[in-house]
């Protein structure tokens, strides 16, 4: 199955053959991003109004919950590995917020010195935070602390998850913008331990 959200806040869901299954109309404004839970039981839709929506697609009554708390639009989101909670990241408030599927807030966090781009669960109690202007960092939900990745002076960060490892891709500031040969890839475990580079 797949889903699409339009500028009016309407979310539609289709099966693999292209047949429309169902749809809902929300107050979230333009839908920026849509994410399915790990078992396709719920949909997270990030809205330009600052609201996000969790749609329980297994509920015949089209049950959904609003997530209110961001100032400005919501640019990205993610489900936990178990699918029982979600993360949302705001455009203008530079904040990641965590919610349960009922729409209750489970906390919020930000970094005043960096611009937050995305956030994702990589373990039950660990969240990967990606920044536009600094290396990514891991947030330990139990200890409530940040573990920044050692990236050096660089720009243009990207992150890839490969099995039990995190690949941090970066380009030194001294490198030519069009020279991909200057890219550096650092390898970390999901616990943030450095394993090497190439």
C-alpha atoms as a PDB file:
ATOM      1  CA  UNK A   1       0.000   0.000   0.000  1.00  0.00           C
ATOM      2  CA  UNK A   2       0.989   3.621  -0.377  1.00  0.00           C
ATOM      3  CA  UNK A   3      -0.416   7.013   0.601  1.00  0.00           C
ATOM      4  CA  UNK A   4      -0.409  10.622  -0.551  1.00  0.00           C
ATOM      5  CA  UNK A   5      -1.326  13.912   1.125  1.00  0.00           C
ATOM      6  CA  UNK A   6      -2.413  17.014  -0.807  1.00  0.00           C
ATOM      7  CA  UNK A   7      -2.397  20.790  -0.239  1.00  0.00           C
ATOM      8  CA  UNK A   8      -5.821  20.714   1.430  1.00  0.00           C
ATOM      9  CA  UNK A   9      -4.814  18.233   4.141  1.00  0.00           C
ATOM     10  CA  UNK A  10      -6.550  15.259   2.570  1.00  0.00           C
ATOM     11  CA  UNK A  11      -4.753  11.906   2.894  1.00  0.00           C
ATOM     12  CA  UNK A  12      -5.548   9.043   0.500  1.00  0.00           C
ATOM     13  CA  UNK A  13      -4.438   5.424   0.698  1.00  0.00           C
ATOM     14  CA  UNK A  14      -4.132   2.975  -2.201  1.00  0.00           C
ATOM     15  CA  UNK A  15      -3.335  -0.722  -2.445  1.00  0.00           C
ATOM     16  CA  UNK A  16      -0.486  -2.124  -4.554  1.00  0.00           C
ATOM     17  CA  UNK A  17      -2.746  -2.401  -7.621  1.00  0.00           C
ATOM     18  CA  UNK A  18      -3.627   1.314  -7.513  1.00  0.00           C
ATOM     19  CA  UNK A  19      -7.128   0.873  -6.068  1.00  0.00           C
ATOM     20  CA  UNK A  20      -8.166   3.615  -3.628  1.00  0.00           C
ATOM     21  CA  UNK A  21      -8.735   2.055  -0.192  1.00  0.00           C
ATOM     22  CA  UNK A  22      -9.902   5.057   1.824  1.00  0.00           C
ATOM     23  CA  UNK A  23      -9.184   8.700   2.645  1.00  0.00           C
ATOM     24  CA  UNK A  24      -9.501  11.236   5.454  1.00  0.00           C
ATOM     25  CA  UNK A  25      -9.717  15.033   5.540  1.00  0.00           C
ATOM     26  CA  UNK A  26      -7.529  16.698   8.193  1.00  0.00           C
ATOM     27  CA  UNK A  27      -6.900  20.238   9.437  1.00  0.00           C
ATOM     28  CA  UNK A  28      -3.118  19.908   9.095  1.00  0.00           C
ATOM     29  CA  UNK A  29      -2.918  22.045   5.950  1.00  0.00           C
ATOM     30  CA  UNK A  30      -0.572  21.014   3.158  1.00  0.00           C
ATOM     31  CA  UNK A  31       0.902  17.577   3.870  1.00  0.00           C
ATOM     32  CA  UNK A  32       4.703  17.791   3.677  1.00  0.00           C
ATOM     33  CA  UNK A  33       5.653  14.170   4.385  1.00  0.00           C
ATOM     34  CA  UNK A  34       3.963  10.815   4.989  1.00  0.00           C
ATOM     35  CA  UNK A  35       5.395   7.812   6.855  1.00  0.00           C
ATOM     36  CA  UNK A  36       4.042   4.298   7.464  1.00  0.00           C
ATOM     37  CA  UNK A  37       4.572   2.498  10.764  1.00  0.00           C
ATOM     38  CA  UNK A  38       6.746  -0.652  10.661  1.00  0.00           C
ATOM     39  CA  UNK A  39       3.704  -2.945  10.337  1.00  0.00           C
ATOM     40  CA  UNK A  40       1.638  -0.562   8.163  1.00  0.00           C
ATOM     41  CA  UNK A  41      -0.961  -0.145  10.914  1.00  0.00           C
ATOM     42  CA  UNK A  42      -0.610   3.629  11.179  1.00  0.00           C
ATOM     43  CA  UNK A  43       0.304   6.618   9.015  1.00  0.00           C
ATOM     44  CA  UNK A  44       2.107   9.739  10.196  1.00  0.00           C
ATOM     45  CA  UNK A  45       1.392  12.841   8.103  1.00  0.00           C
ATOM     46  CA  UNK A  46       3.438  16.017   8.724  1.00  0.00           C
ATOM     47  CA  UNK A  47       1.502  19.209   8.013  1.00  0.00           C
ATOM     48  CA  UNK A  48       2.532  22.712   6.963  1.00  0.00           C
ATOM     49  CA  UNK A  49       0.183  24.225   9.566  1.00  0.00           C
ATOM     50  CA  UNK A  50       2.336  22.938  12.431  1.00  0.00           C
ATOM     51  CA  UNK A  51       0.060  19.992  13.100  1.00  0.00           C
ATOM     52  CA  UNK A  52       0.815  16.377  12.336  1.00  0.00           C
ATOM     53  CA  UNK A  53      -1.697  13.550  12.116  1.00  0.00           C
ATOM     54  CA  UNK A  54      -1.487   9.900  13.132  1.00  0.00           C
ATOM     55  CA  UNK A  55      -4.048   7.848  11.226  1.00  0.00           C
ATOM     56  CA  UNK A  56      -4.871   4.380  12.541  1.00  0.00           C
ATOM     57  CA  UNK A  57      -5.620   2.745   9.187  1.00  0.00           C
ATOM     58  CA  UNK A  58      -6.720  -0.521  10.859  1.00  0.00           C
ATOM     59  CA  UNK A  59      -9.636   1.291  12.508  1.00  0.00           C
ATOM     60  CA  UNK A  60     -12.768   1.090  10.361  1.00  0.00           C
ATOM     61  CA  UNK A  61     -13.907   4.395  11.842  1.00  0.00           C
ATOM     62  CA  UNK A  62     -10.874   6.183  10.364  1.00  0.00           C
ATOM     63  CA  UNK A  63      -9.631   7.066  13.840  1.00  0.00           C
ATOM     64  CA  UNK A  64      -6.862   9.673  13.873  1.00  0.00           C
ATOM     65  CA  UNK A  65      -5.084  11.914  16.371  1.00  0.00           C
ATOM     66  CA  UNK A  66      -3.647  15.413  15.976  1.00  0.00           C
ATOM     67  CA  UNK A  67      -0.160  16.268  17.206  1.00  0.00           C
ATOM     68  CA  UNK A  68      -0.031  19.916  18.279  1.00  0.00           C
ATOM     69  CA  UNK A  69       3.071  21.660  19.577  1.00  0.00           C
ATOM     70  CA  UNK A  70       5.317  22.867  16.758  1.00  0.00           C
ATOM     71  CA  UNK A  71       5.578  26.548  15.873  1.00  0.00           C
ATOM     72  CA  UNK A  72       5.468  26.608  12.081  1.00  0.00           C
ATOM     73  CA  UNK A  73       5.282  23.679   9.699  1.00  0.00           C
ATOM     74  CA  UNK A  74       6.500  20.140  10.329  1.00  0.00           C
ATOM     75  CA  UNK A  75       9.217  19.076   7.878  1.00  0.00           C
ATOM     76  CA  UNK A  76       9.905  15.447   8.794  1.00  0.00           C
ATOM     77  CA  UNK A  77       8.932  12.602  11.084  1.00  0.00           C
ATOM     78  CA  UNK A  78       9.598   8.979  11.962  1.00  0.00           C
ATOM     79  CA  UNK A  79       8.044   5.987  13.715  1.00  0.00           C
ATOM     80  CA  UNK A  80       9.820   4.120  16.485  1.00  0.00           C
ATOM     81  CA  UNK A  81      11.037   0.617  15.646  1.00  0.00           C
ATOM     82  CA  UNK A  82       8.056  -0.889  17.474  1.00  0.00           C
ATOM     83  CA  UNK A  83       5.608   1.560  15.881  1.00  0.00           C
ATOM     84  CA  UNK A  84       4.151   2.721  19.218  1.00  0.00           C
ATOM     85  CA  UNK A  85       5.563   6.275  19.150  1.00  0.00           C
ATOM     86  CA  UNK A  86       6.645   8.901  16.616  1.00  0.00           C
ATOM     87  CA  UNK A  87       9.036  11.808  16.185  1.00  0.00           C
ATOM     88  CA  UNK A  88       8.290  15.086  14.396  1.00  0.00           C
ATOM     89  CA  UNK A  89      10.710  17.895  13.473  1.00  0.00           C
ATOM     90  CA  UNK A  90       9.562  21.499  13.032  1.00  0.00           C
ATOM     91  CA  UNK A  91      10.673  23.933  10.313  1.00  0.00           C
ATOM     92  CA  UNK A  92      10.966  27.136  12.326  1.00  0.00           C
ATOM     93  CA  UNK A  93      11.120  26.012  15.981  1.00  0.00           C
ATOM     94  CA  UNK A  94      14.179  23.782  15.388  1.00  0.00           C
ATOM     95  CA  UNK A  95      12.698  21.188  17.734  1.00  0.00           C
ATOM     96  CA  UNK A  96      12.134  17.441  17.635  1.00  0.00           C
ATOM     97  CA  UNK A  97       9.060  16.238  19.494  1.00  0.00           C
ATOM     98  CA  UNK A  98       8.123  12.730  20.568  1.00  0.00           C
ATOM     99  CA  UNK A  99       4.523  11.458  20.796  1.00  0.00           C
ATOM    100  CA  UNK A 100       2.522   8.331  21.491  1.00  0.00           C
ATOM    101  CA  UNK A 101      -0.122   7.178  19.015  1.00  0.00           C
ATOM    102  CA  UNK A 102      -2.899   8.916  20.979  1.00  0.00           C
ATOM    103  CA  UNK A 103      -1.255  12.291  20.356  1.00  0.00           C
ATOM    104  CA  UNK A 104       0.146  12.744  23.876  1.00  0.00           C
ATOM    105  CA  UNK A 105       3.504  14.522  24.072  1.00  0.00           C
ATOM    106  CA  UNK A 106       6.391  12.390  25.354  1.00  0.00           C
ATOM    107  CA  UNK A 107       8.949  15.198  25.354  1.00  0.00           C
ATOM    108  CA  UNK A 108      10.867  17.607  23.126  1.00  0.00           C
ATOM    109  CA  UNK A 109      14.518  18.435  22.503  1.00  0.00           C
ATOM    110  CA  UNK A 110      16.613  20.789  20.387  1.00  0.00           C
ATOM    111  CA  UNK A 111      20.120  22.162  19.943  1.00  0.00           C
ATOM    112  CA  UNK A 112      20.409  25.974  20.062  1.00  0.00           C
ATOM    113  CA  UNK A 113      23.739  25.847  18.212  1.00  0.00           C
ATOM    114  CA  UNK A 114      22.593  23.757  15.229  1.00  0.00           C
ATOM    115  CA  UNK A 115      19.777  23.610  12.680  1.00  0.00           C
ATOM    116  CA  UNK A 116      17.897  20.339  13.077  1.00  0.00           C
ATOM    117  CA  UNK A 117      17.069  18.607   9.787  1.00  0.00           C
ATOM    118  CA  UNK A 118      15.780  15.128  10.635  1.00  0.00           C
ATOM    119  CA  UNK A 119      15.408  12.703  13.521  1.00  0.00           C
ATOM    120  CA  UNK A 120      14.990   8.927  13.542  1.00  0.00           C
ATOM    121  CA  UNK A 121      14.905   6.062  16.004  1.00  0.00           C
ATOM    122  CA  UNK A 122      17.831   3.674  15.585  1.00  0.00           C
ATOM    123  CA  UNK A 123      17.244   1.683  18.787  1.00  0.00           C
ATOM    124  CA  UNK A 124      14.466   1.536  21.385  1.00  0.00           C
ATOM    125  CA  UNK A 125      16.035   4.243  23.539  1.00  0.00           C
ATOM    126  CA  UNK A 126      18.304   5.987  21.030  1.00  0.00           C
ATOM    127  CA  UNK A 127      17.498   8.698  18.481  1.00  0.00           C
ATOM    128  CA  UNK A 128      19.718   9.886  15.650  1.00  0.00           C
ATOM    129  CA  UNK A 129      19.573  13.660  15.105  1.00  0.00           C
ATOM    130  CA  UNK A 130      20.749  15.097  11.781  1.00  0.00           C
ATOM    131  CA  UNK A 131      21.786  18.748  11.593  1.00  0.00           C
ATOM    132  CA  UNK A 132      22.292  20.936   8.531  1.00  0.00           C
ATOM    133  CA  UNK A 133      25.375  22.704   9.871  1.00  0.00           C
ATOM    134  CA  UNK A 134      27.013  20.236  12.287  1.00  0.00           C
ATOM    135  CA  UNK A 135      27.724  16.501  12.485  1.00  0.00           C
ATOM    136  CA  UNK A 136      24.825  14.279  13.575  1.00  0.00           C
ATOM    137  CA  UNK A 137      24.403  13.250  17.200  1.00  0.00           C
ATOM    138  CA  UNK A 138      22.825  10.404  19.140  1.00  0.00           C
ATOM    139  CA  UNK A 139      20.350  11.174  21.916  1.00  0.00           C
ATOM    140  CA  UNK A 140      20.065   8.604  24.678  1.00  0.00           C
ATOM    141  CA  UNK A 141      16.479   8.737  25.975  1.00  0.00           C
ATOM    142  CA  UNK A 142      17.408   6.977  29.228  1.00  0.00           C
ATOM    143  CA  UNK A 143      20.366   9.189  30.115  1.00  0.00           C
ATOM    144  CA  UNK A 144      18.885  12.277  28.401  1.00  0.00           C
ATOM    145  CA  UNK A 145      22.241  13.260  26.923  1.00  0.00           C
ATOM    146  CA  UNK A 146      23.745  13.881  23.476  1.00  0.00           C
ATOM    147  CA  UNK A 147      26.639  12.001  21.905  1.00  0.00           C
ATOM    148  CA  UNK A 148      27.951  14.049  18.941  1.00  0.00           C
ATOM    149  CA  UNK A 149      29.742  12.286  16.114  1.00  0.00           C
ATOM    150  CA  UNK A 150      33.329  13.374  15.469  1.00  0.00           C
ATOM    151  CA  UNK A 151      33.143  14.869  11.994  1.00  0.00           C
ATOM    152  CA  UNK A 152      35.817  17.578  11.961  1.00  0.00           C
ATOM    153  CA  UNK A 153      35.518  20.786   9.955  1.00  0.00           C
ATOM    154  CA  UNK A 154      33.099  19.865   7.207  1.00  0.00           C
ATOM    155  CA  UNK A 155      29.834  20.632   5.484  1.00  0.00           C
ATOM    156  CA  UNK A 156      27.241  18.644   3.546  1.00  0.00           C
ATOM    157  CA  UNK A 157      26.472  15.877   6.016  1.00  0.00           C
ATOM    158  CA  UNK A 158      24.423  12.816   5.128  1.00  0.00           C
ATOM    159  CA  UNK A 159      23.629   9.709   7.155  1.00  0.00           C
ATOM    160  CA  UNK A 160      22.912   6.143   6.030  1.00  0.00           C
ATOM    161  CA  UNK A 161      21.868   3.237   8.248  1.00  0.00           C
ATOM    162  CA  UNK A 162      23.336  -0.125   7.212  1.00  0.00           C
ATOM    163  CA  UNK A 163      22.437  -3.016   9.506  1.00  0.00           C
ATOM    164  CA  UNK A 164      24.039  -2.378  12.891  1.00  0.00           C
ATOM    165  CA  UNK A 165      26.150   0.499  11.574  1.00  0.00           C
ATOM    166  CA  UNK A 166      25.749   4.202  10.871  1.00  0.00           C
ATOM    167  CA  UNK A 167      27.586   5.717   7.905  1.00  0.00           C
ATOM    168  CA  UNK A 168      28.346   9.424   8.319  1.00  0.00           C
ATOM    169  CA  UNK A 169      29.130  10.973   4.914  1.00  0.00           C
ATOM    170  CA  UNK A 170      30.831  14.364   4.880  1.00  0.00           C
ATOM    171  CA  UNK A 171      32.919  16.668   2.707  1.00  0.00           C
ATOM    172  CA  UNK A 172      35.753  18.816   4.149  1.00  0.00           C
ATOM    173  CA  UNK A 173      35.323  22.590   3.823  1.00  0.00           C
ATOM    174  CA  UNK A 174      38.500  22.762   1.760  1.00  0.00           C
ATOM    175  CA  UNK A 175      37.081  20.395  -0.875  1.00  0.00           C
ATOM    176  CA  UNK A 176      35.743  21.341  -4.295  1.00  0.00           C
ATOM    177  CA  UNK A 177      31.932  21.297  -4.299  1.00  0.00           C
ATOM    178  CA  UNK A 178      31.885  19.172  -7.458  1.00  0.00           C
ATOM    179  CA  UNK A 179      34.601  16.733  -6.398  1.00  0.00           C
ATOM    180  CA  UNK A 180      32.945  13.612  -4.976  1.00  0.00           C
ATOM    181  CA  UNK A 181      36.368  11.985  -4.589  1.00  0.00           C
ATOM    182  CA  UNK A 182      36.913  14.201  -1.537  1.00  0.00           C
ATOM    183  CA  UNK A 183      33.979  12.657   0.347  1.00  0.00           C
ATOM    184  CA  UNK A 184      34.798  11.038   3.672  1.00  0.00           C
ATOM    185  CA  UNK A 185      32.714   8.186   5.107  1.00  0.00           C
ATOM    186  CA  UNK A 186      32.995   7.500   8.832  1.00  0.00           C
ATOM    187  CA  UNK A 187      31.597   4.262  10.262  1.00  0.00           C
ATOM    188  CA  UNK A 188      29.954   4.062  13.698  1.00  0.00           C
ATOM    189  CA  UNK A 189      28.019   1.456  15.603  1.00  0.00           C
ATOM    190  CA  UNK A 190      24.448   2.312  16.608  1.00  0.00           C
ATOM    191  CA  UNK A 191      25.866   3.017  20.046  1.00  0.00           C
ATOM    192  CA  UNK A 192      28.017   5.809  18.597  1.00  0.00           C
ATOM    193  CA  UNK A 193      31.347   3.980  18.729  1.00  0.00           C
ATOM    194  CA  UNK A 194      33.766   4.909  15.926  1.00  0.00           C
ATOM    195  CA  UNK A 195      34.867   1.954  13.763  1.00  0.00           C
ATOM    196  CA  UNK A 196      36.857   3.525  10.942  1.00  0.00           C
ATOM    197  CA  UNK A 197      36.673   5.564   7.753  1.00  0.00           C
ATOM    198  CA  UNK A 198      37.232   5.383   4.019  1.00  0.00           C
END
